[in-house]
Amino acid sequence: MEIACLILTQMGFSVETAENGKLALDMVAASEPGYYDAILMDIQMPVMDGYSAARAIRALDDKALADIPILAMTANAFQEDVKAAMDAGMQAHIAKPVDVGKLTEALSSVLKRP
């Protein structure tokens, strides 16, 4: 998480972190639409894993919050892991260790910025 935060802040992003999937869900659910541009979701977290957290975010009543782009960040890089991330409602899969170019490409593909 520390490395991803460092990379993202160097890219000019503001970053907030959650230590587990339940906290991530709570943060998104309590936010105003548009506050978060994207979520980088670790898959293996305590309390609630990333797949469950992504599904719960997709099930939020507020469509603007439910539609925030979610990118999986995981050391699990097999094709079935990519499929599981997509099946959970994520738009991209970024393997660890993080490749800055691939992270930039994934973020560019999901962010709705001119």
PDB file of N, CA and C in Angstrom:
ATOM      1  N   MET A   1       0.838  -1.190   0.000  1.00  0.00           N
ATOM      2  CA  MET A   1       0.000   0.000   0.000  1.00  0.00           C
ATOM      3  C   MET A   1       0.880   1.250   0.000  1.00  0.00           C
ATOM      4  N   GLU A   2       1.968   1.207   0.759  1.00  0.00           N
ATOM      5  CA  GLU A   2       2.838   2.381   0.842  1.00  0.00           C
ATOM      6  C   GLU A   2       3.448   2.726  -0.506  1.00  0.00           C
ATOM      7  N   ILE A   3       3.868   1.721  -1.244  1.00  0.00           N
ATOM      8  CA  ILE A   3       4.488   1.965  -2.552  1.00  0.00           C
ATOM      9  C   ILE A   3       3.460   2.536  -3.526  1.00  0.00           C
ATOM     10  N   ALA A   4       2.266   1.952  -3.544  1.00  0.00           N
ATOM     11  CA  ALA A   4       1.218   2.460  -4.434  1.00  0.00           C
ATOM     12  C   ALA A   4       0.873   3.899  -4.079  1.00  0.00           C
ATOM     13  N   CYS A   5       0.793   4.207  -2.786  1.00  0.00           N
ATOM     14  CA  CYS A   5       0.492   5.581  -2.355  1.00  0.00           C
ATOM     15  C   CYS A   5       1.580   6.542  -2.827  1.00  0.00           C
ATOM     16  N   LEU A   6       2.820   6.133  -2.689  1.00  0.00           N
ATOM     17  CA  LEU A   6       3.942   6.972  -3.118  1.00  0.00           C
ATOM     18  C   LEU A   6       3.876   7.227  -4.627  1.00  0.00           C
ATOM     19  N   ILE A   7       3.646   6.173  -5.383  1.00  0.00           N
ATOM     20  CA  ILE A   7       3.559   6.312  -6.843  1.00  0.00           C
ATOM     21  C   ILE A   7       2.413   7.255  -7.221  1.00  0.00           C
ATOM     22  N   LEU A   8       1.266   7.041  -6.616  1.00  0.00           N
ATOM     23  CA  LEU A   8       0.087   7.847  -6.956  1.00  0.00           C
ATOM     24  C   LEU A   8       0.263   9.307  -6.564  1.00  0.00           C
ATOM     25  N   THR A   9       0.841   9.575  -5.394  1.00  0.00           N
ATOM     26  CA  THR A   9       1.037  10.978  -4.997  1.00  0.00           C
ATOM     27  C   THR A   9       2.061  11.644  -5.904  1.00  0.00           C
ATOM     28  N   GLN A  10       3.068  10.897  -6.338  1.00  0.00           N
ATOM     29  CA  GLN A  10       4.042  11.463  -7.275  1.00  0.00           C
ATOM     30  C   GLN A  10       3.399  11.750  -8.629  1.00  0.00           C
ATOM     31  N   MET A  11       2.327  11.040  -8.933  1.00  0.00           N
ATOM     32  CA  MET A  11       1.591  11.272 -10.179  1.00  0.00           C
ATOM     33  C   MET A  11       0.593  12.423 -10.027  1.00  0.00           C
ATOM     34  N   GLY A  12       0.459  12.959  -8.813  1.00  0.00           N
ATOM     35  CA  GLY A  12      -0.423  14.094  -8.597  1.00  0.00           C
ATOM     36  C   GLY A  12      -1.783  13.749  -8.019  1.00  0.00           C
ATOM     37  N   PHE A  13      -1.994  12.503  -7.631  1.00  0.00           N
ATOM     38  CA  PHE A  13      -3.272  12.088  -7.065  1.00  0.00           C
ATOM     39  C   PHE A  13      -3.300  12.340  -5.562  1.00  0.00           C
ATOM     40  N   SER A  14      -4.481  12.631  -5.046  1.00  0.00           N
ATOM     41  CA  SER A  14      -4.720  12.626  -3.604  1.00  0.00           C
ATOM     42  C   SER A  14      -5.121  11.206  -3.256  1.00  0.00           C
ATOM     43  N   VAL A  15      -4.590  10.683  -2.172  1.00  0.00           N
ATOM     44  CA  VAL A  15      -4.807   9.277  -1.841  1.00  0.00           C
ATOM     45  C   VAL A  15      -5.346   9.145  -0.418  1.00  0.00           C
ATOM     46  N   GLU A  16      -6.341   8.309  -0.258  1.00  0.00           N
ATOM     47  CA  GLU A  16      -6.837   7.896   1.051  1.00  0.00           C
ATOM     48  C   GLU A  16      -6.726   6.380   1.092  1.00  0.00           C
ATOM     49  N   THR A  17      -6.458   5.833   2.271  1.00  0.00           N
ATOM     50  CA  THR A  17      -6.295   4.388   2.376  1.00  0.00           C
ATOM     51  C   THR A  17      -7.285   3.796   3.376  1.00  0.00           C
ATOM     52  N   ALA A  18      -7.545   2.522   3.178  1.00  0.00           N
ATOM     53  CA  ALA A  18      -8.384   1.744   4.091  1.00  0.00           C
ATOM     54  C   ALA A  18      -7.629   0.449   4.387  1.00  0.00           C
ATOM     55  N   GLU A  19      -7.605   0.063   5.635  1.00  0.00           N
ATOM     56  CA  GLU A  19      -6.851  -1.123   6.038  1.00  0.00           C
ATOM     57  C   GLU A  19      -7.569  -2.427   5.727  1.00  0.00           C
ATOM     58  N   ASN A  20      -8.850  -2.345   5.408  1.00  0.00           N
ATOM     59  CA  ASN A  20      -9.595  -3.557   5.071  1.00  0.00           C
ATOM     60  C   ASN A  20     -10.754  -3.204   4.152  1.00  0.00           C
ATOM     61  N   GLY A  21     -11.353  -4.234   3.573  1.00  0.00           N
ATOM     62  CA  GLY A  21     -12.426  -4.022   2.611  1.00  0.00           C
ATOM     63  C   GLY A  21     -13.671  -3.405   3.201  1.00  0.00           C
ATOM     64  N   LYS A  22     -13.994  -3.737   4.440  1.00  0.00           N
ATOM     65  CA  LYS A  22     -15.182  -3.159   5.095  1.00  0.00           C
ATOM     66  C   LYS A  22     -15.010  -1.663   5.278  1.00  0.00           C
ATOM     67  N   LEU A  23     -13.828  -1.247   5.696  1.00  0.00           N
ATOM     68  CA  LEU A  23     -13.559   0.190   5.855  1.00  0.00           C
ATOM     69  C   LEU A  23     -13.622   0.897   4.500  1.00  0.00           C
ATOM     70  N   ALA A  24     -13.105   0.263   3.454  1.00  0.00           N
ATOM     71  CA  ALA A  24     -13.185   0.849   2.111  1.00  0.00           C
ATOM     72  C   ALA A  24     -14.636   1.041   1.696  1.00  0.00           C
ATOM     73  N   LEU A  25     -15.451   0.026   1.923  1.00  0.00           N
ATOM     74  CA  LEU A  25     -16.883   0.118   1.611  1.00  0.00           C
ATOM     75  C   LEU A  25     -17.531   1.256   2.391  1.00  0.00           C
ATOM     76  N   ASP A  26     -17.232   1.336   3.677  1.00  0.00           N
ATOM     77  CA  ASP A  26     -17.816   2.391   4.512  1.00  0.00           C
ATOM     78  C   ASP A  26     -17.402   3.781   4.036  1.00  0.00           C
ATOM     79  N   MET A  27     -16.134   3.925   3.635  1.00  0.00           N
ATOM     80  CA  MET A  27     -15.639   5.217   3.153  1.00  0.00           C
ATOM     81  C   MET A  27     -16.369   5.640   1.884  1.00  0.00           C
ATOM     82  N   VAL A  28     -16.539   4.705   0.968  1.00  0.00           N
ATOM     83  CA  VAL A  28     -17.235   5.019  -0.283  1.00  0.00           C
ATOM     84  C   VAL A  28     -18.703   5.332  -0.008  1.00  0.00           C
ATOM     85  N   ALA A  29     -19.346   4.514   0.797  1.00  0.00           N
ATOM     86  CA  ALA A  29     -20.772   4.700   1.086  1.00  0.00           C
ATOM     87  C   ALA A  29     -21.052   6.041   1.762  1.00  0.00           C
ATOM     88  N   ALA A  30     -20.102   6.529   2.551  1.00  0.00           N
ATOM     89  CA  ALA A  30     -20.283   7.795   3.270  1.00  0.00           C
ATOM     90  C   ALA A  30     -19.865   9.018   2.457  1.00  0.00           C
ATOM     91  N   SER A  31     -19.290   8.782   1.288  1.00  0.00           N
ATOM     92  CA  SER A  31     -18.774   9.900   0.492  1.00  0.00           C
ATOM     93  C   SER A  31     -19.859  10.526  -0.380  1.00  0.00           C
ATOM     94  N   GLU A  32     -19.570  11.725  -0.840  1.00  0.00           N
ATOM     95  CA  GLU A  32     -20.429  12.395  -1.814  1.00  0.00           C
ATOM     96  C   GLU A  32     -20.043  11.903  -3.208  1.00  0.00           C
ATOM     97  N   PRO A  33     -21.016  11.746  -4.107  1.00  0.00           N
ATOM     98  CA  PRO A  33     -20.669  11.357  -5.478  1.00  0.00           C
ATOM     99  C   PRO A  33     -19.628  12.311  -6.064  1.00  0.00           C
ATOM    100  N   GLY A  34     -18.620  11.758  -6.707  1.00  0.00           N
ATOM    101  CA  GLY A  34     -17.559  12.549  -7.304  1.00  0.00           C
ATOM    102  C   GLY A  34     -16.356  12.761  -6.401  1.00  0.00           C
ATOM    103  N   TYR A  35     -16.483  12.426  -5.115  1.00  0.00           N
ATOM    104  CA  TYR A  35     -15.358  12.606  -4.197  1.00  0.00           C
ATOM    105  C   TYR A  35     -14.210  11.671  -4.570  1.00  0.00           C
ATOM    106  N   TYR A  36     -14.531  10.423  -4.860  1.00  0.00           N
ATOM    107  CA  TYR A  36     -13.516   9.456  -5.291  1.00  0.00           C
ATOM    108  C   TYR A  36     -13.607   9.287  -6.801  1.00  0.00           C
ATOM    109  N   ASP A  37     -12.454   9.379  -7.458  1.00  0.00           N
ATOM    110  CA  ASP A  37     -12.405   9.154  -8.908  1.00  0.00           C
ATOM    111  C   ASP A  37     -12.245   7.678  -9.237  1.00  0.00           C
ATOM    112  N   ALA A  38     -11.536   6.955  -8.375  1.00  0.00           N
ATOM    113  CA  ALA A  38     -11.266   5.541  -8.612  1.00  0.00           C
ATOM    114  C   ALA A  38     -10.871   4.889  -7.294  1.00  0.00           C
ATOM    115  N   ILE A  39     -10.993   3.573  -7.268  1.00  0.00           N
ATOM    116  CA  ILE A  39     -10.607   2.784  -6.102  1.00  0.00           C
ATOM    117  C   ILE A  39      -9.607   1.740  -6.564  1.00  0.00           C
ATOM    118  N   LEU A  40      -8.453   1.699  -5.918  1.00  0.00           N
ATOM    119  CA  LEU A  40      -7.497   0.623  -6.138  1.00  0.00           C
ATOM    120  C   LEU A  40      -7.710  -0.353  -4.997  1.00  0.00           C
ATOM    121  N   MET A  41      -8.195  -1.529  -5.326  1.00  0.00           N
ATOM    122  CA  MET A  41      -8.655  -2.490  -4.324  1.00  0.00           C
ATOM    123  C   MET A  41      -7.702  -3.675  -4.234  1.00  0.00           C
ATOM    124  N   ASP A  42      -7.073  -3.811  -3.071  1.00  0.00           N
ATOM    125  CA  ASP A  42      -6.291  -5.015  -2.813  1.00  0.00           C
ATOM    126  C   ASP A  42      -7.283  -6.168  -2.683  1.00  0.00           C
ATOM    127  N   ILE A  43      -6.897  -7.334  -3.086  1.00  0.00           N
ATOM    128  CA  ILE A  43      -7.798  -8.480  -3.022  1.00  0.00           C
ATOM    129  C   ILE A  43      -7.723  -9.166  -1.661  1.00  0.00           C
ATOM    130  N   GLN A  44      -6.527  -9.336  -1.153  1.00  0.00           N
ATOM    131  CA  GLN A  44      -6.353 -10.041   0.108  1.00  0.00           C
ATOM    132  C   GLN A  44      -6.244  -9.053   1.259  1.00  0.00           C
ATOM    133  N   MET A  45      -7.386  -8.822   1.918  1.00  0.00           N
ATOM    134  CA  MET A  45      -7.446  -7.907   3.056  1.00  0.00           C
ATOM    135  C   MET A  45      -8.203  -8.585   4.181  1.00  0.00           C
ATOM    136  N   PRO A  46      -7.944  -8.154   5.412  1.00  0.00           N
ATOM    137  CA  PRO A  46      -8.711  -8.702   6.526  1.00  0.00           C
ATOM    138  C   PRO A  46     -10.136  -8.136   6.551  1.00  0.00           C
ATOM    139  N   VAL A  47     -10.977  -8.705   7.349  1.00  0.00           N
ATOM    140  CA  VAL A  47     -12.358  -8.313   7.605  1.00  0.00           C
ATOM    141  C   VAL A  47     -13.242  -8.571   6.376  1.00  0.00           C
ATOM    142  N   MET A  48     -12.923  -7.963   5.239  1.00  0.00           N
ATOM    143  CA  MET A  48     -13.677  -8.166   3.997  1.00  0.00           C
ATOM    144  C   MET A  48     -12.672  -8.120   2.852  1.00  0.00           C
ATOM    145  N   ASP A  49     -12.633  -9.176   2.037  1.00  0.00           N
ATOM    146  CA  ASP A  49     -11.674  -9.191   0.933  1.00  0.00           C
ATOM    147  C   ASP A  49     -12.096  -8.228  -0.179  1.00  0.00           C
ATOM    148  N   GLY A  50     -11.195  -8.009  -1.111  1.00  0.00           N
ATOM    149  CA  GLY A  50     -11.444  -7.046  -2.180  1.00  0.00           C
ATOM    150  C   GLY A  50     -12.589  -7.414  -3.096  1.00  0.00           C
ATOM    151  N   TYR A  51     -12.772  -8.706  -3.370  1.00  0.00           N
ATOM    152  CA  TYR A  51     -13.894  -9.123  -4.213  1.00  0.00           C
ATOM    153  C   TYR A  51     -15.222  -8.775  -3.543  1.00  0.00           C
ATOM    154  N   SER A  52     -15.328  -9.102  -2.256  1.00  0.00           N
ATOM    155  CA  SER A  52     -16.564  -8.823  -1.513  1.00  0.00           C
ATOM    156  C   SER A  52     -16.813  -7.323  -1.408  1.00  0.00           C
ATOM    157  N   ALA A  53     -15.753  -6.568  -1.158  1.00  0.00           N
ATOM    158  CA  ALA A  53     -15.888  -5.113  -1.053  1.00  0.00           C
ATOM    159  C   ALA A  53     -16.343  -4.522  -2.385  1.00  0.00           C
ATOM    160  N   ALA A  54     -15.775  -5.001  -3.492  1.00  0.00           N
ATOM    161  CA  ALA A  54     -16.177  -4.495  -4.811  1.00  0.00           C
ATOM    162  C   ALA A  54     -17.644  -4.811  -5.088  1.00  0.00           C
ATOM    163  N   ARG A  55     -18.060  -6.033  -4.783  1.00  0.00           N
ATOM    164  CA  ARG A  55     -19.471  -6.402  -4.992  1.00  0.00           C
ATOM    165  C   ARG A  55     -20.393  -5.529  -4.146  1.00  0.00           C
ATOM    166  N   ALA A  56     -19.985  -5.253  -2.904  1.00  0.00           N
ATOM    167  CA  ALA A  56     -20.807  -4.425  -2.013  1.00  0.00           C
ATOM    168  C   ALA A  56     -20.881  -2.981  -2.514  1.00  0.00           C
ATOM    169  N   ILE A  57     -19.784  -2.469  -3.043  1.00  0.00           N
ATOM    170  CA  ILE A  57     -19.797  -1.114  -3.617  1.00  0.00           C
ATOM    171  C   ILE A  57     -20.730  -1.087  -4.830  1.00  0.00           C
ATOM    172  N   ARG A  58     -20.652  -2.093  -5.666  1.00  0.00           N
ATOM    173  CA  ARG A  58     -21.524  -2.154  -6.854  1.00  0.00           C
ATOM    174  C   ARG A  58     -22.999  -2.243  -6.461  1.00  0.00           C
ATOM    175  N   ALA A  59     -23.287  -2.731  -5.250  1.00  0.00           N
ATOM    176  CA  ALA A  59     -24.673  -2.888  -4.791  1.00  0.00           C
ATOM    177  C   ALA A  59     -25.202  -1.655  -4.053  1.00  0.00           C
ATOM    178  N   LEU A  60     -24.402  -0.600  -3.912  1.00  0.00           N
ATOM    179  CA  LEU A  60     -24.859   0.599  -3.216  1.00  0.00           C
ATOM    180  C   LEU A  60     -26.063   1.205  -3.949  1.00  0.00           C
ATOM    181  N   ASP A  61     -26.975   1.785  -3.188  1.00  0.00           N
ATOM    182  CA  ASP A  61     -28.175   2.391  -3.776  1.00  0.00           C
ATOM    183  C   ASP A  61     -27.856   3.607  -4.646  1.00  0.00           C
ATOM    184  N   ASP A  62     -26.858   4.386  -4.259  1.00  0.00           N
ATOM    185  CA  ASP A  62     -26.472   5.577  -5.017  1.00  0.00           C
ATOM    186  C   ASP A  62     -25.670   5.133  -6.239  1.00  0.00           C
ATOM    187  N   LYS A  63     -26.262   5.254  -7.418  1.00  0.00           N
ATOM    188  CA  LYS A  63     -25.625   4.764  -8.649  1.00  0.00           C
ATOM    189  C   LYS A  63     -24.280   5.436  -8.912  1.00  0.00           C
ATOM    190  N   ALA A  64     -24.168   6.712  -8.579  1.00  0.00           N
ATOM    191  CA  ALA A  64     -22.899   7.418  -8.799  1.00  0.00           C
ATOM    192  C   ALA A  64     -21.781   6.801  -7.960  1.00  0.00           C
ATOM    193  N   LEU A  65     -22.093   6.393  -6.751  1.00  0.00           N
ATOM    194  CA  LEU A  65     -21.095   5.740  -5.904  1.00  0.00           C
ATOM    195  C   LEU A  65     -20.856   4.307  -6.365  1.00  0.00           C
ATOM    196  N   ALA A  66     -21.914   3.626  -6.731  1.00  0.00           N
ATOM    197  CA  ALA A  66     -21.804   2.231  -7.164  1.00  0.00           C
ATOM    198  C   ALA A  66     -21.000   2.094  -8.458  1.00  0.00           C
ATOM    199  N   ASP A  67     -20.923   3.150  -9.241  1.00  0.00           N
ATOM    200  CA  ASP A  67     -20.241   3.099 -10.538  1.00  0.00           C
ATOM    201  C   ASP A  67     -18.798   3.602 -10.515  1.00  0.00           C
ATOM    202  N   ILE A  68     -18.256   3.915  -9.337  1.00  0.00           N
ATOM    203  CA  ILE A  68     -16.856   4.363  -9.265  1.00  0.00           C
ATOM    204  C   ILE A  68     -15.965   3.262  -9.836  1.00  0.00           C
ATOM    205  N   PRO A  69     -15.032   3.606 -10.711  1.00  0.00           N
ATOM    206  CA  PRO A  69     -14.126   2.583 -11.239  1.00  0.00           C
ATOM    207  C   PRO A  69     -13.324   1.923 -10.111  1.00  0.00           C
ATOM    208  N   ILE A  70     -13.257   0.601 -10.161  1.00  0.00           N
ATOM    209  CA  ILE A  70     -12.493  -0.172  -9.179  1.00  0.00           C
ATOM    210  C   ILE A  70     -11.448  -0.981  -9.941  1.00  0.00           C
ATOM    211  N   LEU A  71     -10.201  -0.850  -9.508  1.00  0.00           N
ATOM    212  CA  LEU A  71      -9.093  -1.576 -10.122  1.00  0.00           C
ATOM    213  C   LEU A  71      -8.510  -2.530  -9.087  1.00  0.00           C
ATOM    214  N   ALA A  72      -8.411  -3.796  -9.440  1.00  0.00           N
ATOM    215  CA  ALA A  72      -7.824  -4.785  -8.547  1.00  0.00           C
ATOM    216  C   ALA A  72      -6.310  -4.602  -8.521  1.00  0.00           C
ATOM    217  N   MET A  73      -5.733  -4.638  -7.329  1.00  0.00           N
ATOM    218  CA  MET A  73      -4.266  -4.641  -7.179  1.00  0.00           C
ATOM    219  C   MET A  73      -3.932  -5.877  -6.363  1.00  0.00           C
ATOM    220  N   THR A  74      -3.244  -6.809  -6.984  1.00  0.00           N
ATOM    221  CA  THR A  74      -3.012  -8.081  -6.314  1.00  0.00           C
ATOM    222  C   THR A  74      -1.772  -8.785  -6.838  1.00  0.00           C
ATOM    223  N   ALA A  75      -1.184  -9.599  -5.987  1.00  0.00           N
ATOM    224  CA  ALA A  75      -0.066 -10.436  -6.406  1.00  0.00           C
ATOM    225  C   ALA A  75      -0.573 -11.636  -7.199  1.00  0.00           C
ATOM    226  N   ASN A  76      -1.869 -11.896  -7.140  1.00  0.00           N
ATOM    227  CA  ASN A  76      -2.481 -13.000  -7.881  1.00  0.00           C
ATOM    228  C   ASN A  76      -2.684 -12.564  -9.327  1.00  0.00           C
ATOM    229  N   ALA A  77      -1.841 -13.072 -10.203  1.00  0.00           N
ATOM    230  CA  ALA A  77      -1.835 -12.558 -11.576  1.00  0.00           C
ATOM    231  C   ALA A  77      -2.200 -13.592 -12.631  1.00  0.00           C
ATOM    232  N   PHE A  78      -2.795 -14.698 -12.205  1.00  0.00           N
ATOM    233  CA  PHE A  78      -3.217 -15.698 -13.181  1.00  0.00           C
ATOM    234  C   PHE A  78      -4.492 -15.231 -13.882  1.00  0.00           C
ATOM    235  N   GLN A  79      -4.782 -15.833 -15.027  1.00  0.00           N
ATOM    236  CA  GLN A  79      -5.965 -15.444 -15.802  1.00  0.00           C
ATOM    237  C   GLN A  79      -7.244 -15.598 -14.979  1.00  0.00           C
ATOM    238  N   GLU A  80      -7.320 -16.640 -14.133  1.00  0.00           N
ATOM    239  CA  GLU A  80      -8.526 -16.820 -13.314  1.00  0.00           C
ATOM    240  C   GLU A  80      -8.665 -15.709 -12.269  1.00  0.00           C
ATOM    241  N   ASP A  81      -7.530 -15.123 -11.846  1.00  0.00           N
ATOM    242  CA  ASP A  81      -7.578 -13.991 -10.918  1.00  0.00           C
ATOM    243  C   ASP A  81      -8.117 -12.742 -11.613  1.00  0.00           C
ATOM    244  N   VAL A  82      -7.691 -12.532 -12.843  1.00  0.00           N
ATOM    245  CA  VAL A  82      -8.195 -11.399 -13.633  1.00  0.00           C
ATOM    246  C   VAL A  82      -9.697 -11.566 -13.844  1.00  0.00           C
ATOM    247  N   LYS A  83     -10.120 -12.778 -14.191  1.00  0.00           N
ATOM    248  CA  LYS A  83     -11.549 -13.052 -14.404  1.00  0.00           C
ATOM    249  C   LYS A  83     -12.336 -12.829 -13.118  1.00  0.00           C
ATOM    250  N   ALA A  84     -11.811 -13.284 -11.987  1.00  0.00           N
ATOM    251  CA  ALA A  84     -12.510 -13.106 -10.710  1.00  0.00           C
ATOM    252  C   ALA A  84     -12.684 -11.622 -10.392  1.00  0.00           C
ATOM    253  N   ALA A  85     -11.682 -10.826 -10.704  1.00  0.00           N
ATOM    254  CA  ALA A  85     -11.783  -9.377 -10.475  1.00  0.00           C
ATOM    255  C   ALA A  85     -12.869  -8.778 -11.358  1.00  0.00           C
ATOM    256  N   MET A  86     -12.896  -9.152 -12.618  1.00  0.00           N
ATOM    257  CA  MET A  86     -13.916  -8.631 -13.536  1.00  0.00           C
ATOM    258  C   MET A  86     -15.312  -9.111 -13.105  1.00  0.00           C
ATOM    259  N   ASP A  87     -15.415 -10.359 -12.677  1.00  0.00           N
ATOM    260  CA  ASP A  87     -16.696 -10.906 -12.226  1.00  0.00           C
ATOM    261  C   ASP A  87     -17.206 -10.183 -10.973  1.00  0.00           C
ATOM    262  N   ALA A  88     -16.289  -9.636 -10.173  1.00  0.00           N
ATOM    263  CA  ALA A  88     -16.667  -8.899  -8.960  1.00  0.00           C
ATOM    264  C   ALA A  88     -17.041  -7.450  -9.266  1.00  0.00           C
ATOM    265  N   GLY A  89     -16.920  -7.054 -10.533  1.00  0.00           N
ATOM    266  CA  GLY A  89     -17.314  -5.704 -10.924  1.00  0.00           C
ATOM    267  C   GLY A  89     -16.172  -4.724 -11.078  1.00  0.00           C
ATOM    268  N   MET A  90     -14.953  -5.232 -11.122  1.00  0.00           N
ATOM    269  CA  MET A  90     -13.803  -4.341 -11.289  1.00  0.00           C
ATOM    270  C   MET A  90     -13.524  -4.130 -12.773  1.00  0.00           C
ATOM    271  N   GLN A  91     -12.933  -2.971 -13.092  1.00  0.00           N
ATOM    272  CA  GLN A  91     -12.673  -2.639 -14.491  1.00  0.00           C
ATOM    273  C   GLN A  91     -11.268  -2.997 -14.965  1.00  0.00           C
ATOM    274  N   ALA A  92     -10.353  -3.225 -14.041  1.00  0.00           N
ATOM    275  CA  ALA A  92      -8.975  -3.496 -14.434  1.00  0.00           C
ATOM    276  C   ALA A  92      -8.304  -4.343 -13.365  1.00  0.00           C
ATOM    277  N   HIS A  93      -7.187  -4.944 -13.735  1.00  0.00           N
ATOM    278  CA  HIS A  93      -6.406  -5.795 -12.842  1.00  0.00           C
ATOM    279  C   HIS A  93      -4.952  -5.360 -12.961  1.00  0.00           C
ATOM    280  N   ILE A  94      -4.358  -4.988 -11.839  1.00  0.00           N
ATOM    281  CA  ILE A  94      -2.961  -4.561 -11.819  1.00  0.00           C
ATOM    282  C   ILE A  94      -2.194  -5.522 -10.929  1.00  0.00           C
ATOM    283  N   ALA A  95      -1.215  -6.208 -11.512  1.00  0.00           N
ATOM    284  CA  ALA A  95      -0.434  -7.181 -10.753  1.00  0.00           C
ATOM    285  C   ALA A  95       0.643  -6.483  -9.929  1.00  0.00           C
ATOM    286  N   LYS A  96       0.916  -7.055  -8.757  1.00  0.00           N
ATOM    287  CA  LYS A  96       2.028  -6.587  -7.928  1.00  0.00           C
ATOM    288  C   LYS A  96       3.231  -7.463  -8.246  1.00  0.00           C
ATOM    289  N   PRO A  97       4.429  -6.953  -8.180  1.00  0.00           N
ATOM    290  CA  PRO A  97       4.745  -5.571  -7.839  1.00  0.00           C
ATOM    291  C   PRO A  97       4.236  -4.607  -8.915  1.00  0.00           C
ATOM    292  N   VAL A  98       3.869  -3.416  -8.470  1.00  0.00           N
ATOM    293  CA  VAL A  98       3.235  -2.440  -9.350  1.00  0.00           C
ATOM    294  C   VAL A  98       4.213  -1.927 -10.394  1.00  0.00           C
ATOM    295  N   ASP A  99       3.781  -2.012 -11.633  1.00  0.00           N
ATOM    296  CA  ASP A  99       4.516  -1.442 -12.758  1.00  0.00           C
ATOM    297  C   ASP A  99       3.890  -0.071 -13.019  1.00  0.00           C
ATOM    298  N   VAL A 100       4.672   0.999 -12.898  1.00  0.00           N
ATOM    299  CA  VAL A 100       4.144   2.362 -13.010  1.00  0.00           C
ATOM    300  C   VAL A 100       3.455   2.575 -14.358  1.00  0.00           C
ATOM    301  N   GLY A 101       4.031   2.076 -15.412  1.00  0.00           N
ATOM    302  CA  GLY A 101       3.426   2.242 -16.735  1.00  0.00           C
ATOM    303  C   GLY A 101       2.072   1.564 -16.833  1.00  0.00           C
ATOM    304  N   LYS A 102       1.970   0.353 -16.306  1.00  0.00           N
ATOM    305  CA  LYS A 102       0.695  -0.365 -16.354  1.00  0.00           C
ATOM    306  C   LYS A 102      -0.339   0.285 -15.437  1.00  0.00           C
ATOM    307  N   LEU A 103       0.108   0.799 -14.293  1.00  0.00           N
ATOM    308  CA  LEU A 103      -0.800   1.511 -13.404  1.00  0.00           C
ATOM    309  C   LEU A 103      -1.342   2.761 -14.087  1.00  0.00           C
ATOM    310  N   THR A 104      -0.462   3.522 -14.717  1.00  0.00           N
ATOM    311  CA  THR A 104      -0.865   4.733 -15.430  1.00  0.00           C
ATOM    312  C   THR A 104      -1.843   4.402 -16.548  1.00  0.00           C
ATOM    313  N   GLU A 105      -1.543   3.355 -17.291  1.00  0.00           N
ATOM    314  CA  GLU A 105      -2.414   2.940 -18.397  1.00  0.00           C
ATOM    315  C   GLU A 105      -3.794   2.528 -17.876  1.00  0.00           C
ATOM    316  N   ALA A 106      -3.815   1.753 -16.793  1.00  0.00           N
ATOM    317  CA  ALA A 106      -5.093   1.305 -16.220  1.00  0.00           C
ATOM    318  C   ALA A 106      -5.916   2.479 -15.707  1.00  0.00           C
ATOM    319  N   LEU A 107      -5.268   3.406 -15.009  1.00  0.00           N
ATOM    320  CA  LEU A 107      -5.988   4.577 -14.509  1.00  0.00           C
ATOM    321  C   LEU A 107      -6.514   5.442 -15.652  1.00  0.00           C
ATOM    322  N   SER A 108      -5.698   5.631 -16.675  1.00  0.00           N
ATOM    323  CA  SER A 108      -6.126   6.416 -17.822  1.00  0.00           C
ATOM    324  C   SER A 108      -7.336   5.797 -18.508  1.00  0.00           C
ATOM    325  N   SER A 109      -7.399   4.476 -18.519  1.00  0.00           N
ATOM    326  CA  SER A 109      -8.504   3.804 -19.207  1.00  0.00           C
ATOM    327  C   SER A 109      -9.828   3.926 -18.450  1.00  0.00           C
ATOM    328  N   VAL A 110      -9.783   4.145 -17.121  1.00  0.00           N
ATOM    329  CA  VAL A 110     -11.035   4.199 -16.351  1.00  0.00           C
ATOM    330  C   VAL A 110     -11.442   5.594 -15.907  1.00  0.00           C
ATOM    331  N   LEU A 111     -10.504   6.515 -15.848  1.00  0.00           N
ATOM    332  CA  LEU A 111     -10.834   7.859 -15.392  1.00  0.00           C
ATOM    333  C   LEU A 111     -11.503   8.656 -16.497  1.00  0.00           C
ATOM    334  N   LYS A 112     -12.552   9.350 -16.134  1.00  0.00           N
ATOM    335  CA  LYS A 112     -13.315  10.131 -17.120  1.00  0.00           C
ATOM    336  C   LYS A 112     -12.838  11.576 -17.073  1.00  0.00           C
ATOM    337  N   ARG A 113     -11.615  11.771 -17.520  1.00  0.00           N
ATOM    338  CA  ARG A 113     -11.054  13.123 -17.528  1.00  0.00           C
ATOM    339  C   ARG A 113     -10.697  13.491 -18.957  1.00  0.00           C
ATOM    340  N   PRO A 114     -10.849  14.757 -19.279  1.00  0.00           N
ATOM    341  CA  PRO A 114     -10.517  15.185 -20.646  1.00  0.00           C
ATOM    342  C   PRO A 114      -9.024  15.119 -20.900  1.00  0.00           C
TER     343      PRO A 114
END
